[in-house]
Amino acid sequence: METMSTDALDRLAAVIESRLPARGGDPEQSYVARLLHRGPDAFLKKIGEEATEVVMAAKDADHGGDPQKIVNEVADLWFHTMVALAHYGLSPREVVAELARRAGTSGIEEKALRKAQDREASND
């Protein structure tokens, strides 16, 4: 399943990257190109909206709503975060690698480590 998931993310990432302005993405022909053409404010706003919709779908599911709506909204959220990744020259593989790096590490330990690294970086 992991390979299939990574393959699907890689294929979607390639399509998104092909819509980058530097690669000739046409805002008149492509939603992704339009978001990228408008700049970070456009796709970052969409990420915020989609994150809120994930929360609302989950809250609805807690009260008898369709849990599939959570999946649909998370797909929208992932999609828009992938647009952001492409804009910043990053890939889903880097996110997957970071998640793999964190596997087996307590979330509490991970957060404490990041705080310590942030403190150390600010003292440099």
PDB file of N, CA and C in Angstrom:
ATOM      1  N   MET A   1       0.821  -1.199   0.000  1.00  0.00           N
ATOM      2  CA  MET A   1       0.000   0.000   0.000  1.00  0.00           C
ATOM      3  C   MET A   1       0.859   1.256   0.000  1.00  0.00           C
ATOM      4  N   GLU A   2       1.994   1.256   0.764  1.00  0.00           N
ATOM      5  CA  GLU A   2       2.837   2.446   0.838  1.00  0.00           C
ATOM      6  C   GLU A   2       3.355   2.836  -0.543  1.00  0.00           C
ATOM      7  N   THR A   3       3.818   1.847  -1.333  1.00  0.00           N
ATOM      8  CA  THR A   3       4.320   2.154  -2.670  1.00  0.00           C
ATOM      9  C   THR A   3       3.218   2.731  -3.534  1.00  0.00           C
ATOM     10  N   MET A   4       2.018   2.152  -3.472  1.00  0.00           N
ATOM     11  CA  MET A   4       0.911   2.668  -4.265  1.00  0.00           C
ATOM     12  C   MET A   4       0.605   4.104  -3.858  1.00  0.00           C
ATOM     13  N   SER A   5       0.601   4.380  -2.558  1.00  0.00           N
ATOM     14  CA  SER A   5       0.321   5.727  -2.078  1.00  0.00           C
ATOM     15  C   SER A   5       1.396   6.700  -2.527  1.00  0.00           C
ATOM     16  N   THR A   6       2.651   6.307  -2.387  1.00  0.00           N
ATOM     17  CA  THR A   6       3.751   7.173  -2.797  1.00  0.00           C
ATOM     18  C   THR A   6       3.714   7.396  -4.292  1.00  0.00           C
ATOM     19  N   ASP A   7       3.409   6.351  -5.055  1.00  0.00           N
ATOM     20  CA  ASP A   7       3.306   6.504  -6.510  1.00  0.00           C
ATOM     21  C   ASP A   7       2.214   7.504  -6.873  1.00  0.00           C
ATOM     22  N   ALA A   8       1.069   7.408  -6.219  1.00  0.00           N
ATOM     23  CA  ALA A   8      -0.029   8.332  -6.498  1.00  0.00           C
ATOM     24  C   ALA A   8       0.379   9.756  -6.150  1.00  0.00           C
ATOM     25  N   LEU A   9       1.049   9.936  -5.024  1.00  0.00           N
ATOM     26  CA  LEU A   9       1.524  11.270  -4.650  1.00  0.00           C
ATOM     27  C   LEU A   9       2.560  11.783  -5.650  1.00  0.00           C
ATOM     28  N   ASP A  10       3.451  10.901  -6.089  1.00  0.00           N
ATOM     29  CA  ASP A  10       4.466  11.303  -7.071  1.00  0.00           C
ATOM     30  C   ASP A  10       3.818  11.730  -8.383  1.00  0.00           C
ATOM     31  N   ARG A  11       2.813  10.986  -8.823  1.00  0.00           N
ATOM     32  CA  ARG A  11       2.137  11.343 -10.085  1.00  0.00           C
ATOM     33  C   ARG A  11       1.428  12.685  -9.952  1.00  0.00           C
ATOM     34  N   LEU A  12       0.726  12.881  -8.847  1.00  0.00           N
ATOM     35  CA  LEU A  12       0.046  14.151  -8.634  1.00  0.00           C
ATOM     36  C   LEU A  12       1.052  15.289  -8.516  1.00  0.00           C
ATOM     37  N   ALA A  13       2.145  15.056  -7.806  1.00  0.00           N
ATOM     38  CA  ALA A  13       3.182  16.083  -7.673  1.00  0.00           C
ATOM     39  C   ALA A  13       3.737  16.471  -9.037  1.00  0.00           C
ATOM     40  N   ALA A  14       3.934  15.497  -9.913  1.00  0.00           N
ATOM     41  CA  ALA A  14       4.451  15.789 -11.256  1.00  0.00           C
ATOM     42  C   ALA A  14       3.477  16.664 -12.035  1.00  0.00           C
ATOM     43  N   VAL A  15       2.184  16.385 -11.916  1.00  0.00           N
ATOM     44  CA  VAL A  15       1.182  17.215 -12.601  1.00  0.00           C
ATOM     45  C   VAL A  15       1.209  18.629 -12.035  1.00  0.00           C
ATOM     46  N   ILE A  16       1.233  18.739 -10.714  1.00  0.00           N
ATOM     47  CA  ILE A  16       1.261  20.064 -10.086  1.00  0.00           C
ATOM     48  C   ILE A  16       2.512  20.828 -10.525  1.00  0.00           C
ATOM     49  N   GLU A  17       3.661  20.165 -10.499  1.00  0.00           N
ATOM     50  CA  GLU A  17       4.902  20.820 -10.910  1.00  0.00           C
ATOM     51  C   GLU A  17       4.852  21.272 -12.363  1.00  0.00           C
ATOM     52  N   SER A  18       4.153  20.526 -13.200  1.00  0.00           N
ATOM     53  CA  SER A  18       4.047  20.922 -14.616  1.00  0.00           C
ATOM     54  C   SER A  18       3.218  22.189 -14.785  1.00  0.00           C
ATOM     55  N   ARG A  19       2.476  22.558 -13.747  1.00  0.00           N
ATOM     56  CA  ARG A  19       1.644  23.760 -13.804  1.00  0.00           C
ATOM     57  C   ARG A  19       2.349  24.996 -13.239  1.00  0.00           C
ATOM     58  N   LEU A  20       3.572  24.824 -12.742  1.00  0.00           N
ATOM     59  CA  LEU A  20       4.330  25.963 -12.223  1.00  0.00           C
ATOM     60  C   LEU A  20       4.508  27.016 -13.312  1.00  0.00           C
ATOM     61  N   PRO A  21       4.455  28.297 -12.945  1.00  0.00           N
ATOM     62  CA  PRO A  21       4.651  29.349 -13.954  1.00  0.00           C
ATOM     63  C   PRO A  21       5.957  29.182 -14.731  1.00  0.00           C
ATOM     64  N   ALA A  22       7.015  28.772 -14.054  1.00  0.00           N
ATOM     65  CA  ALA A  22       8.314  28.587 -14.715  1.00  0.00           C
ATOM     66  C   ALA A  22       8.283  27.466 -15.755  1.00  0.00           C
ATOM     67  N   ARG A  23       7.298  26.605 -15.650  1.00  0.00           N
ATOM     68  CA  ARG A  23       7.159  25.496 -16.612  1.00  0.00           C
ATOM     69  C   ARG A  23       6.029  25.749 -17.591  1.00  0.00           C
ATOM     70  N   GLY A  24       5.554  26.971 -17.631  1.00  0.00           N
ATOM     71  CA  GLY A  24       4.547  27.333 -18.618  1.00  0.00           C
ATOM     72  C   GLY A  24       3.116  27.063 -18.208  1.00  0.00           C
ATOM     73  N   GLY A  25       2.862  26.869 -16.920  1.00  0.00           N
ATOM     74  CA  GLY A  25       1.491  26.650 -16.466  1.00  0.00           C
ATOM     75  C   GLY A  25       0.602  27.825 -16.858  1.00  0.00           C
ATOM     76  N   ASP A  26      -0.523  27.522 -17.472  1.00  0.00           N
ATOM     77  CA  ASP A  26      -1.430  28.549 -17.986  1.00  0.00           C
ATOM     78  C   ASP A  26      -2.590  28.767 -17.025  1.00  0.00           C
ATOM     79  N   PRO A  27      -2.648  29.940 -16.372  1.00  0.00           N
ATOM     80  CA  PRO A  27      -3.723  30.208 -15.419  1.00  0.00           C
ATOM     81  C   PRO A  27      -5.116  30.197 -16.032  1.00  0.00           C
ATOM     82  N   GLU A  28      -5.202  30.338 -17.344  1.00  0.00           N
ATOM     83  CA  GLU A  28      -6.510  30.295 -18.018  1.00  0.00           C
ATOM     84  C   GLU A  28      -6.984  28.863 -18.234  1.00  0.00           C
ATOM     85  N   GLN A  29      -6.057  27.906 -18.153  1.00  0.00           N
ATOM     86  CA  GLN A  29      -6.378  26.520 -18.461  1.00  0.00           C
ATOM     87  C   GLN A  29      -6.328  25.583 -17.257  1.00  0.00           C
ATOM     88  N   SER A  30      -5.730  26.044 -16.151  1.00  0.00           N
ATOM     89  CA  SER A  30      -5.481  25.140 -15.038  1.00  0.00           C
ATOM     90  C   SER A  30      -5.730  25.828 -13.699  1.00  0.00           C
ATOM     91  N   TYR A  31      -6.486  25.163 -12.850  1.00  0.00           N
ATOM     92  CA  TYR A  31      -6.739  25.661 -11.499  1.00  0.00           C
ATOM     93  C   TYR A  31      -5.428  25.804 -10.727  1.00  0.00           C
ATOM     94  N   VAL A  32      -4.568  24.782 -10.822  1.00  0.00           N
ATOM     95  CA  VAL A  32      -3.283  24.823 -10.118  1.00  0.00           C
ATOM     96  C   VAL A  32      -2.446  25.986 -10.623  1.00  0.00           C
ATOM     97  N   ALA A  33      -2.362  26.145 -11.928  1.00  0.00           N
ATOM     98  CA  ALA A  33      -1.588  27.263 -12.482  1.00  0.00           C
ATOM     99  C   ALA A  33      -2.160  28.602 -12.014  1.00  0.00           C
ATOM    100  N   ARG A  34      -3.471  28.690 -11.913  1.00  0.00           N
ATOM    101  CA  ARG A  34      -4.108  29.924 -11.445  1.00  0.00           C
ATOM    102  C   ARG A  34      -3.701  30.208  -9.997  1.00  0.00           C
ATOM    103  N   LEU A  35      -3.757  29.184  -9.136  1.00  0.00           N
ATOM    104  CA  LEU A  35      -3.344  29.362  -7.745  1.00  0.00           C
ATOM    105  C   LEU A  35      -1.882  29.797  -7.666  1.00  0.00           C
ATOM    106  N   LEU A  36      -1.031  29.118  -8.417  1.00  0.00           N
ATOM    107  CA  LEU A  36       0.394  29.430  -8.395  1.00  0.00           C
ATOM    108  C   LEU A  36       0.668  30.820  -8.957  1.00  0.00           C
ATOM    109  N   HIS A  37      -0.057  31.191  -9.995  1.00  0.00           N
ATOM    110  CA  HIS A  37       0.101  32.513 -10.609  1.00  0.00           C
ATOM    111  C   HIS A  37      -0.284  33.619  -9.623  1.00  0.00           C
ATOM    112  N   ARG A  38      -1.312  33.364  -8.829  1.00  0.00           N
ATOM    113  CA  ARG A  38      -1.763  34.356  -7.846  1.00  0.00           C
ATOM    114  C   ARG A  38      -0.794  34.499  -6.680  1.00  0.00           C
ATOM    115  N   GLY A  39       0.057  33.496  -6.493  1.00  0.00           N
ATOM    116  CA  GLY A  39       1.071  33.568  -5.451  1.00  0.00           C
ATOM    117  C   GLY A  39       0.668  32.898  -4.155  1.00  0.00           C
ATOM    118  N   PRO A  40       1.598  32.913  -3.195  1.00  0.00           N
ATOM    119  CA  PRO A  40       1.385  32.193  -1.946  1.00  0.00           C
ATOM    120  C   PRO A  40       0.103  32.561  -1.205  1.00  0.00           C
ATOM    121  N   ASP A  41      -0.294  33.820  -1.211  1.00  0.00           N
ATOM    122  CA  ASP A  41      -1.509  34.176  -0.479  1.00  0.00           C
ATOM    123  C   ASP A  41      -2.703  33.353  -0.951  1.00  0.00           C
ATOM    124  N   ALA A  42      -2.787  33.067  -2.236  1.00  0.00           N
ATOM    125  CA  ALA A  42      -3.930  32.318  -2.773  1.00  0.00           C
ATOM    126  C   ALA A  42      -3.933  30.878  -2.285  1.00  0.00           C
ATOM    127  N   PHE A  43      -2.805  30.178  -2.444  1.00  0.00           N
ATOM    128  CA  PHE A  43      -2.835  28.774  -2.043  1.00  0.00           C
ATOM    129  C   PHE A  43      -2.736  28.605  -0.531  1.00  0.00           C
ATOM    130  N   LEU A  44      -2.116  29.532   0.163  1.00  0.00           N
ATOM    131  CA  LEU A  44      -2.081  29.437   1.624  1.00  0.00           C
ATOM    132  C   LEU A  44      -3.470  29.663   2.210  1.00  0.00           C
ATOM    133  N   LYS A  45      -4.229  30.580   1.622  1.00  0.00           N
ATOM    134  CA  LYS A  45      -5.610  30.788   2.057  1.00  0.00           C
ATOM    135  C   LYS A  45      -6.420  29.508   1.852  1.00  0.00           C
ATOM    136  N   LYS A  46      -6.218  28.840   0.706  1.00  0.00           N
ATOM    137  CA  LYS A  46      -6.943  27.591   0.445  1.00  0.00           C
ATOM    138  C   LYS A  46      -6.565  26.519   1.460  1.00  0.00           C
ATOM    139  N   ILE A  47      -5.295  26.467   1.856  1.00  0.00           N
ATOM    140  CA  ILE A  47      -4.880  25.488   2.860  1.00  0.00           C
ATOM    141  C   ILE A  47      -5.638  25.740   4.161  1.00  0.00           C
ATOM    142  N   GLY A  48      -5.734  26.992   4.563  1.00  0.00           N
ATOM    143  CA  GLY A  48      -6.483  27.325   5.782  1.00  0.00           C
ATOM    144  C   GLY A  48      -7.948  26.944   5.674  1.00  0.00           C
ATOM    145  N   GLU A  49      -8.549  27.239   4.525  1.00  0.00           N
ATOM    146  CA  GLU A  49      -9.962  26.888   4.326  1.00  0.00           C
ATOM    147  C   GLU A  49     -10.164  25.381   4.385  1.00  0.00           C
ATOM    148  N   GLU A  50      -9.285  24.656   3.707  1.00  0.00           N
ATOM    149  CA  GLU A  50      -9.435  23.198   3.668  1.00  0.00           C
ATOM    150  C   GLU A  50      -9.207  22.584   5.043  1.00  0.00           C
ATOM    151  N   ALA A  51      -8.251  23.117   5.807  1.00  0.00           N
ATOM    152  CA  ALA A  51      -8.020  22.605   7.163  1.00  0.00           C
ATOM    153  C   ALA A  51      -9.269  22.795   8.017  1.00  0.00           C
ATOM    154  N   THR A  52      -9.896  23.945   7.871  1.00  0.00           N
ATOM    155  CA  THR A  52     -11.138  24.207   8.607  1.00  0.00           C
ATOM    156  C   THR A  52     -12.223  23.230   8.181  1.00  0.00           C
ATOM    157  N   GLU A  53     -12.308  22.922   6.892  1.00  0.00           N
ATOM    158  CA  GLU A  53     -13.316  21.985   6.404  1.00  0.00           C
ATOM    159  C   GLU A  53     -13.066  20.569   6.917  1.00  0.00           C
ATOM    160  N   VAL A  54     -11.793  20.197   7.110  1.00  0.00           N
ATOM    161  CA  VAL A  54     -11.490  18.894   7.719  1.00  0.00           C
ATOM    162  C   VAL A  54     -12.045  18.861   9.135  1.00  0.00           C
ATOM    163  N   VAL A  55     -11.797  19.917   9.894  1.00  0.00           N
ATOM    164  CA  VAL A  55     -12.288  19.985  11.272  1.00  0.00           C
ATOM    165  C   VAL A  55     -13.816  19.899  11.295  1.00  0.00           C
ATOM    166  N   MET A  56     -14.470  20.649  10.418  1.00  0.00           N
ATOM    167  CA  MET A  56     -15.938  20.636  10.388  1.00  0.00           C
ATOM    168  C   MET A  56     -16.474  19.258  10.006  1.00  0.00           C
ATOM    169  N   ALA A  57     -15.843  18.592   9.043  1.00  0.00           N
ATOM    170  CA  ALA A  57     -16.290  17.252   8.642  1.00  0.00           C
ATOM    171  C   ALA A  57     -16.114  16.268   9.799  1.00  0.00           C
ATOM    172  N   ALA A  58     -15.026  16.397  10.536  1.00  0.00           N
ATOM    173  CA  ALA A  58     -14.799  15.503  11.681  1.00  0.00           C
ATOM    174  C   ALA A  58     -15.829  15.758  12.774  1.00  0.00           C
ATOM    175  N   LYS A  59     -16.102  17.025  13.029  1.00  0.00           N
ATOM    176  CA  LYS A  59     -17.125  17.361  14.026  1.00  0.00           C
ATOM    177  C   LYS A  59     -18.485  16.808  13.608  1.00  0.00           C
ATOM    178  N   ASP A  60     -18.801  16.943  12.314  1.00  0.00           N
ATOM    179  CA  ASP A  60     -20.067  16.396  11.808  1.00  0.00           C
ATOM    180  C   ASP A  60     -20.109  14.882  11.980  1.00  0.00           C
ATOM    181  N   ALA A  61     -18.989  14.208  11.698  1.00  0.00           N
ATOM    182  CA  ALA A  61     -18.935  12.749  11.833  1.00  0.00           C
ATOM    183  C   ALA A  61     -19.162  12.329  13.281  1.00  0.00           C
ATOM    184  N   ASP A  62     -18.699  13.148  14.221  1.00  0.00           N
ATOM    185  CA  ASP A  62     -18.932  12.856  15.635  1.00  0.00           C
ATOM    186  C   ASP A  62     -20.412  12.886  15.990  1.00  0.00           C
ATOM    187  N   HIS A  63     -21.207  13.524  15.140  1.00  0.00           N
ATOM    188  CA  HIS A  63     -22.639  13.666  15.408  1.00  0.00           C
ATOM    189  C   HIS A  63     -23.478  12.993  14.321  1.00  0.00           C
ATOM    190  N   GLY A  64     -22.942  11.907  13.773  1.00  0.00           N
ATOM    191  CA  GLY A  64     -23.709  11.104  12.836  1.00  0.00           C
ATOM    192  C   GLY A  64     -23.502  11.433  11.374  1.00  0.00           C
ATOM    193  N   GLY A  65     -22.649  12.401  11.083  1.00  0.00           N
ATOM    194  CA  GLY A  65     -22.371  12.734   9.688  1.00  0.00           C
ATOM    195  C   GLY A  65     -21.542  11.658   9.006  1.00  0.00           C
ATOM    196  N   ASP A  66     -21.415  11.773   7.708  1.00  0.00           N
ATOM    197  CA  ASP A  66     -20.710  10.794   6.888  1.00  0.00           C
ATOM    198  C   ASP A  66     -19.196  10.930   7.060  1.00  0.00           C
ATOM    199  N   PRO A  67     -18.522   9.910   7.608  1.00  0.00           N
ATOM    200  CA  PRO A  67     -17.069   9.978   7.786  1.00  0.00           C
ATOM    201  C   PRO A  67     -16.308  10.105   6.458  1.00  0.00           C
ATOM    202  N   GLN A  68     -16.917   9.695   5.357  1.00  0.00           N
ATOM    203  CA  GLN A  68     -16.261   9.830   4.052  1.00  0.00           C
ATOM    204  C   GLN A  68     -15.953  11.297   3.745  1.00  0.00           C
ATOM    205  N   LYS A  69     -16.756  12.203   4.303  1.00  0.00           N
ATOM    206  CA  LYS A  69     -16.507  13.628   4.083  1.00  0.00           C
ATOM    207  C   LYS A  69     -15.161  14.052   4.667  1.00  0.00           C
ATOM    208  N   ILE A  70     -14.736  13.375   5.730  1.00  0.00           N
ATOM    209  CA  ILE A  70     -13.407  13.661   6.287  1.00  0.00           C
ATOM    210  C   ILE A  70     -12.344  13.310   5.254  1.00  0.00           C
ATOM    211  N   VAL A  71     -12.482  12.143   4.651  1.00  0.00           N
ATOM    212  CA  VAL A  71     -11.523  11.712   3.623  1.00  0.00           C
ATOM    213  C   VAL A  71     -11.505  12.709   2.471  1.00  0.00           C
ATOM    214  N   ASN A  72     -12.689  13.122   2.030  1.00  0.00           N
ATOM    215  CA  ASN A  72     -12.772  14.070   0.912  1.00  0.00           C
ATOM    216  C   ASN A  72     -12.086  15.390   1.252  1.00  0.00           C
ATOM    217  N   GLU A  73     -12.314  15.885   2.455  1.00  0.00           N
ATOM    218  CA  GLU A  73     -11.722  17.162   2.852  1.00  0.00           C
ATOM    219  C   GLU A  73     -10.215  17.043   3.079  1.00  0.00           C
ATOM    220  N   VAL A  74      -9.771  15.913   3.634  1.00  0.00           N
ATOM    221  CA  VAL A  74      -8.327  15.713   3.794  1.00  0.00           C
ATOM    222  C   VAL A  74      -7.658  15.636   2.420  1.00  0.00           C
ATOM    223  N   ALA A  75      -8.318  15.004   1.457  1.00  0.00           N
ATOM    224  CA  ALA A  75      -7.763  14.963   0.098  1.00  0.00           C
ATOM    225  C   ALA A  75      -7.591  16.382  -0.446  1.00  0.00           C
ATOM    226  N   ASP A  76      -8.590  17.238  -0.230  1.00  0.00           N
ATOM    227  CA  ASP A  76      -8.478  18.643  -0.667  1.00  0.00           C
ATOM    228  C   ASP A  76      -7.324  19.341   0.051  1.00  0.00           C
ATOM    229  N   LEU A  77      -7.200  19.093   1.349  1.00  0.00           N
ATOM    230  CA  LEU A  77      -6.124  19.701   2.127  1.00  0.00           C
ATOM    231  C   LEU A  77      -4.765  19.239   1.626  1.00  0.00           C
ATOM    232  N   TRP A  78      -4.604  17.938   1.428  1.00  0.00           N
ATOM    233  CA  TRP A  78      -3.330  17.415   0.929  1.00  0.00           C
ATOM    234  C   TRP A  78      -3.011  18.016  -0.434  1.00  0.00           C
ATOM    235  N   PHE A  79      -4.016  18.075  -1.297  1.00  0.00           N
ATOM    236  CA  PHE A  79      -3.807  18.625  -2.629  1.00  0.00           C
ATOM    237  C   PHE A  79      -3.248  20.047  -2.552  1.00  0.00           C
ATOM    238  N   HIS A  80      -3.888  20.882  -1.752  1.00  0.00           N
ATOM    239  CA  HIS A  80      -3.446  22.273  -1.679  1.00  0.00           C
ATOM    240  C   HIS A  80      -2.090  22.410  -0.996  1.00  0.00           C
ATOM    241  N   THR A  81      -1.788  21.523  -0.035  1.00  0.00           N
ATOM    242  CA  THR A  81      -0.450  21.558   0.553  1.00  0.00           C
ATOM    243  C   THR A  81       0.595  21.103  -0.464  1.00  0.00           C
ATOM    244  N   MET A  82       0.205  20.219  -1.368  1.00  0.00           N
ATOM    245  CA  MET A  82       1.132  19.804  -2.427  1.00  0.00           C
ATOM    246  C   MET A  82       1.409  20.958  -3.395  1.00  0.00           C
ATOM    247  N   VAL A  83       0.429  21.804  -3.614  1.00  0.00           N
ATOM    248  CA  VAL A  83       0.649  23.005  -4.428  1.00  0.00           C
ATOM    249  C   VAL A  83       1.690  23.878  -3.729  1.00  0.00           C
ATOM    250  N   ALA A  84       1.556  24.047  -2.422  1.00  0.00           N
ATOM    251  CA  ALA A  84       2.529  24.835  -1.663  1.00  0.00           C
ATOM    252  C   ALA A  84       3.913  24.199  -1.735  1.00  0.00           C
ATOM    253  N   LEU A  85       3.981  22.888  -1.565  1.00  0.00           N
ATOM    254  CA  LEU A  85       5.277  22.210  -1.661  1.00  0.00           C
ATOM    255  C   LEU A  85       5.940  22.496  -3.006  1.00  0.00           C
ATOM    256  N   ALA A  86       5.184  22.363  -4.083  1.00  0.00           N
ATOM    257  CA  ALA A  86       5.739  22.609  -5.417  1.00  0.00           C
ATOM    258  C   ALA A  86       6.239  24.041  -5.548  1.00  0.00           C
ATOM    259  N   HIS A  87       5.465  24.984  -5.046  1.00  0.00           N
ATOM    260  CA  HIS A  87       5.873  26.396  -5.114  1.00  0.00           C
ATOM    261  C   HIS A  87       7.224  26.609  -4.435  1.00  0.00           C
ATOM    262  N   TYR A  88       7.434  25.928  -3.319  1.00  0.00           N
ATOM    263  CA  TYR A  88       8.662  26.108  -2.552  1.00  0.00           C
ATOM    264  C   TYR A  88       9.765  25.127  -2.941  1.00  0.00           C
ATOM    265  N   GLY A  89       9.552  24.400  -4.047  1.00  0.00           N
ATOM    266  CA  GLY A  89      10.581  23.487  -4.546  1.00  0.00           C
ATOM    267  C   GLY A  89      10.746  22.233  -3.700  1.00  0.00           C
ATOM    268  N   LEU A  90       9.684  21.848  -3.029  1.00  0.00           N
ATOM    269  CA  LEU A  90       9.708  20.665  -2.181  1.00  0.00           C
ATOM    270  C   LEU A  90       8.810  19.591  -2.769  1.00  0.00           C
ATOM    271  N   SER A  91       8.922  18.374  -2.236  1.00  0.00           N
ATOM    272  CA  SER A  91       8.121  17.276  -2.780  1.00  0.00           C
ATOM    273  C   SER A  91       7.444  16.490  -1.672  1.00  0.00           C
ATOM    274  N   PRO A  92       6.380  15.767  -2.033  1.00  0.00           N
ATOM    275  CA  PRO A  92       5.728  14.898  -1.046  1.00  0.00           C
ATOM    276  C   PRO A  92       6.690  13.850  -0.483  1.00  0.00           C
ATOM    277  N   ARG A  93       7.652  13.419  -1.280  1.00  0.00           N
ATOM    278  CA  ARG A  93       8.622  12.429  -0.799  1.00  0.00           C
ATOM    279  C   ARG A  93       9.394  12.953   0.407  1.00  0.00           C
ATOM    280  N   GLU A  94       9.657  14.256   0.417  1.00  0.00           N
ATOM    281  CA  GLU A  94      10.358  14.845   1.555  1.00  0.00           C
ATOM    282  C   GLU A  94       9.494  14.789   2.813  1.00  0.00           C
ATOM    283  N   VAL A  95       8.201  14.973   2.651  1.00  0.00           N
ATOM    284  CA  VAL A  95       7.279  14.879   3.788  1.00  0.00           C
ATOM    285  C   VAL A  95       7.203  13.434   4.262  1.00  0.00           C
ATOM    286  N   VAL A  96       7.094  12.500   3.334  1.00  0.00           N
ATOM    287  CA  VAL A  96       7.047  11.079   3.687  1.00  0.00           C
ATOM    288  C   VAL A  96       8.339  10.679   4.405  1.00  0.00           C
ATOM    289  N   ALA A  97       9.469  11.163   3.913  1.00  0.00           N
ATOM    290  CA  ALA A  97      10.753  10.858   4.557  1.00  0.00           C
ATOM    291  C   ALA A  97      10.799  11.423   5.976  1.00  0.00           C
ATOM    292  N   GLU A  98      10.260  12.614   6.164  1.00  0.00           N
ATOM    293  CA  GLU A  98      10.231  13.208   7.503  1.00  0.00           C
ATOM    294  C   GLU A  98       9.332  12.396   8.431  1.00  0.00           C
ATOM    295  N   LEU A  99       8.190  11.959   7.927  1.00  0.00           N
ATOM    296  CA  LEU A  99       7.310  11.115   8.742  1.00  0.00           C
ATOM    297  C   LEU A  99       7.998   9.796   9.093  1.00  0.00           C
ATOM    298  N   ALA A 100       8.711   9.220   8.123  1.00  0.00           N
ATOM    299  CA  ALA A 100       9.436   7.970   8.377  1.00  0.00           C
ATOM    300  C   ALA A 100      10.530   8.199   9.425  1.00  0.00           C
ATOM    301  N   ARG A 101      11.192   9.347   9.352  1.00  0.00           N
ATOM    302  CA  ARG A 101      12.238   9.662  10.329  1.00  0.00           C
ATOM    303  C   ARG A 101      11.650   9.735  11.730  1.00  0.00           C
ATOM    304  N   ARG A 102      10.447  10.253  11.839  1.00  0.00           N
ATOM    305  CA  ARG A 102       9.800  10.409  13.140  1.00  0.00           C
ATOM    306  C   ARG A 102       9.198   9.116  13.674  1.00  0.00           C
ATOM    307  N   ALA A 103       9.020   8.126  12.810  1.00  0.00           N
ATOM    308  CA  ALA A 103       8.387   6.867  13.235  1.00  0.00           C
ATOM    309  C   ALA A 103       9.151   6.279  14.407  1.00  0.00           C
ATOM    310  N   GLY A 104       8.406   5.868  15.411  1.00  0.00           N
ATOM    311  CA  GLY A 104       9.024   5.267  16.585  1.00  0.00           C
ATOM    312  C   GLY A 104       9.477   6.284  17.619  1.00  0.00           C
ATOM    313  N   THR A 105       9.325   7.563  17.309  1.00  0.00           N
ATOM    314  CA  THR A 105       9.678   8.617  18.255  1.00  0.00           C
ATOM    315  C   THR A 105       8.392   9.126  18.890  1.00  0.00           C
ATOM    316  N   SER A 106       8.419   9.249  20.177  1.00  0.00           N
ATOM    317  CA  SER A 106       7.262   9.783  20.886  1.00  0.00           C
ATOM    318  C   SER A 106       6.982  11.197  20.390  1.00  0.00           C
ATOM    319  N   GLY A 107       5.712  11.515  20.191  1.00  0.00           N
ATOM    320  CA  GLY A 107       5.340  12.867  19.788  1.00  0.00           C
ATOM    321  C   GLY A 107       5.800  13.895  20.810  1.00  0.00           C
ATOM    322  N   ILE A 108       5.761  13.526  22.073  1.00  0.00           N
ATOM    323  CA  ILE A 108       6.212  14.425  23.132  1.00  0.00           C
ATOM    324  C   ILE A 108       7.717  14.655  23.004  1.00  0.00           C
ATOM    325  N   GLU A 109       8.470  13.574  22.754  1.00  0.00           N
ATOM    326  CA  GLU A 109       9.921  13.705  22.571  1.00  0.00           C
ATOM    327  C   GLU A 109      10.243  14.538  21.334  1.00  0.00           C
ATOM    328  N   GLU A 110       9.518  14.294  20.251  1.00  0.00           N
ATOM    329  CA  GLU A 110       9.751  15.020  19.002  1.00  0.00           C
ATOM    330  C   GLU A 110       9.528  16.513  19.207  1.00  0.00           C
ATOM    331  N   LYS A 111       8.454  16.867  19.873  1.00  0.00           N
ATOM    332  CA  LYS A 111       8.158  18.278  20.105  1.00  0.00           C
ATOM    333  C   LYS A 111       9.228  18.911  20.992  1.00  0.00           C
ATOM    334  N   ALA A 112       9.665  18.208  22.035  1.00  0.00           N
ATOM    335  CA  ALA A 112      10.713  18.725  22.920  1.00  0.00           C
ATOM    336  C   ALA A 112      12.019  18.918  22.155  1.00  0.00           C
ATOM    337  N   LEU A 113      12.342  17.983  21.270  1.00  0.00           N
ATOM    338  CA  LEU A 113      13.558  18.091  20.472  1.00  0.00           C
ATOM    339  C   LEU A 113      13.495  19.306  19.555  1.00  0.00           C
ATOM    340  N   ARG A 114      12.345  19.511  18.905  1.00  0.00           N
ATOM    341  CA  ARG A 114      12.204  20.677  18.020  1.00  0.00           C
ATOM    342  C   ARG A 114      12.323  21.978  18.799  1.00  0.00           C
ATOM    343  N   LYS A 115      11.735  22.036  19.998  1.00  0.00           N
ATOM    344  CA  LYS A 115      11.845  23.240  20.828  1.00  0.00           C
ATOM    345  C   LYS A 115      13.296  23.507  21.196  1.00  0.00           C
ATOM    346  N   ALA A 116      14.026  22.454  21.562  1.00  0.00           N
ATOM    347  CA  ALA A 116      15.439  22.601  21.918  1.00  0.00           C
ATOM    348  C   ALA A 116      16.247  23.077  20.716  1.00  0.00           C
ATOM    349  N   GLN A 117      15.950  22.523  19.535  1.00  0.00           N
ATOM    350  CA  GLN A 117      16.652  22.952  18.317  1.00  0.00           C
ATOM    351  C   GLN A 117      16.336  24.406  17.991  1.00  0.00           C
ATOM    352  N   ASP A 118      15.090  24.818  18.172  1.00  0.00           N
ATOM    353  CA  ASP A 118      14.706  26.208  17.927  1.00  0.00           C
ATOM    354  C   ASP A 118      15.437  27.151  18.887  1.00  0.00           C
ATOM    355  N   ARG A 119      15.524  26.750  20.175  1.00  0.00           N
ATOM    356  CA  ARG A 119      16.226  27.578  21.152  1.00  0.00           C
ATOM    357  C   ARG A 119      17.696  27.698  20.782  1.00  0.00           C
ATOM    358  N   GLU A 120      18.282  26.574  20.391  1.00  0.00           N
ATOM    359  CA  GLU A 120      19.698  26.556  20.015  1.00  0.00           C
ATOM    360  C   GLU A 120      19.937  27.437  18.798  1.00  0.00           C
ATOM    361  N   ALA A 121      19.054  27.359  17.813  1.00  0.00           N
ATOM    362  CA  ALA A 121      19.192  28.166  16.596  1.00  0.00           C
ATOM    363  C   ALA A 121      19.050  29.656  16.902  1.00  0.00           C
ATOM    364  N   SER A 122      18.183  30.010  17.835  1.00  0.00           N
ATOM    365  CA  SER A 122      17.975  31.423  18.155  1.00  0.00           C
ATOM    366  C   SER A 122      19.135  31.996  18.968  1.00  0.00           C
ATOM    367  N   ASN A 123      19.936  31.133  19.587  1.00  0.00           N
ATOM    368  CA  ASN A 123      21.105  31.580  20.354  1.00  0.00           C
ATOM    369  C   ASN A 123      22.356  31.715  19.494  1.00  0.00           C
ATOM    370  N   ASP A 124      22.280  31.272  18.255  1.00  0.00           N
ATOM    371  CA  ASP A 124      23.453  31.345  17.374  1.00  0.00           C
ATOM    372  C   ASP A 124      23.772  32.737  16.955  1.00  0.00           C
TER     373      ASP A 124
END
